[in-house]
């Protein structure tokens, strides 16, 4: 499955283009065994009649006919510099997890993998976030009541990769054929492009968070302003009723003040949580990258001492 995901990205993923596919397998005791996968086909605007659901059903039906695991257990997606914490991923994973409780999403990072270590992580939505998504209420009050923060939106599931003997033999053959110079390139400290791109994406998300904070502060000011208007209106009504009462007239009829002063709609907070989660992911990537470079520096120094 891992090799198929990598092959899918190498064939169809260029630059920041994301590739996706379906995970197939079965549940054994407390484990989810992912034994097969197939990609979502790339289609353009001209393929308006293409039905992804029908395509998936036909693929699983064909696999069942040849006695291959065909149960739907999740999906996979590549990521561009760790930019996967999005509303689209949240909605897709909720749909999968709501229909099939054991579903996971595998996130494959080709940029990290190209630097010498396979980057593949499995995520699920936490039970708290699943309840909030079912209610579809992303207001500040609902998220506060559910105690949802970006730290407890997703839960990472440990992954154990098992290869067949034939796959192990193929990997050993590939390692023997790889040039020594290519291996030494893994110790290269030329990381300015990767680090610069990560920092640029981080700054973009911080700008989005700043704009979201401005919207929320504007909402708070509007709420405060409306409260003052309601208070002034109530005071005028009370004074007018007192004057009418002194003249022996009936008081003014009661009015629904909420209809006169409709409360402003609070901005949805889910986007802010996703942005905060993405910022946290970028920071972790930069931290890991700097740690890798430090390790490369020590290794390069050790090789130089050995050669001397």
Foldseek 3Di string as FASTA:
>chain_A
DVVVVVVVCVVPPDAFDKWKWFWFADDDDPDTDTDDIDTQDDDDPVVVVDDSVVVLVVVLVVCVVVPHGRHTAEMEMEGHLLPDLDPVNVVRLLVRCVVPVRHWYKYWYVVVVLLPDGDIWIKHFAPLLSVCVVVVDQFPVSCVVSVDFLVRGMDTDDDDDDDDPVVVVVVVVVVVPDDPVSVLCSLDLPCCVSLVVLVVVLVVLVVVLVVLVVLQVVLVVQQVVLVVVLVVVVVVLVVVQVVCVVVVHHRDDDDDVCVVRPRDDGDRCPRSRSSVNSSVSSVVSSVVVVVSNVVSVVVVVVVVVVVD
